[in-house]
Amino acid sequence: MREEWVATEVGRARVDWFPAERHRATLVLGHGTATGVETADLQALAQELPAHGITVALVTQPYRIEHDPAAADPASLDRAWTAAWARIAATCPPGPVVAGGRSAGSQVACRTAAGLGAAAVVVLAYPLQGPGSAAELTSAALPTLVVQGGRDPFGTPADMPPLLRHMTLVEIPGANHMFLAPSASASRGNLRAITSAVATWLDAVLQTSAVGSTTDRR
């Protein structure tokens, strides 16, 4: 893992790089409101995906680094993400760049992906019954994977709006908003299911001509 700092309009962001063994694409992931990139799902993806040719970049928002709640509003989150994205896209190895995140981080990805030239979107634990909305979730006209816990109080797969043709929904049965289950072994199984779902979906998406040939990495 390599750490990099990025100056943004609302403070410093941090990027934790997990380089791929044989690079095919880059997945940029943001965190939720109450937690950072240390969550089990983000860390599991960062550890597992490089073996599948996916470089992972975990972005920590400035409000967590600077301890400034004023920089946690949607506009500030989007501005910081945009600055971090520009740095990542300019320095990552050649290939498609995919936007993603968990909870609030997935909202940022949905709002900004198309404008930033992302190749696709990975949505983890979207807060549909909280600050999120069906319109926001479906706003990016890009290949989108939604991974949702079956017992997520912020929205289960059953609560999801009708998804568009370019969207894929994967349920993690029994998982809550953090993808945890009543037992440690079941929680570990949830993490394996998440990494498998994301790796399999990315592999399929990257094989399509539209995404595989993406060169706009603004």
Foldseek 3Di string as FASTA:
>chain_A
DDKDWFQFPVGIKIKDKQAAPAAAEEEEEAEADPDGCPFPQNVLLSVPCSPLRYIYIYMGAGCVVVVPVVCVDLVNRLRRVLRVLVVCLVPPPDHAYEYEYEAVSRLSCLVCVVVQQHQEYEYELHQCQPPDHLCSNQVDPHQYEYEHECAEPSDHPVRHDPHDPSYHYHYLYQAYSSGDHPDPVSSVVSSVVSSVVVSVVVVVSCPDPSRVPRGRRD
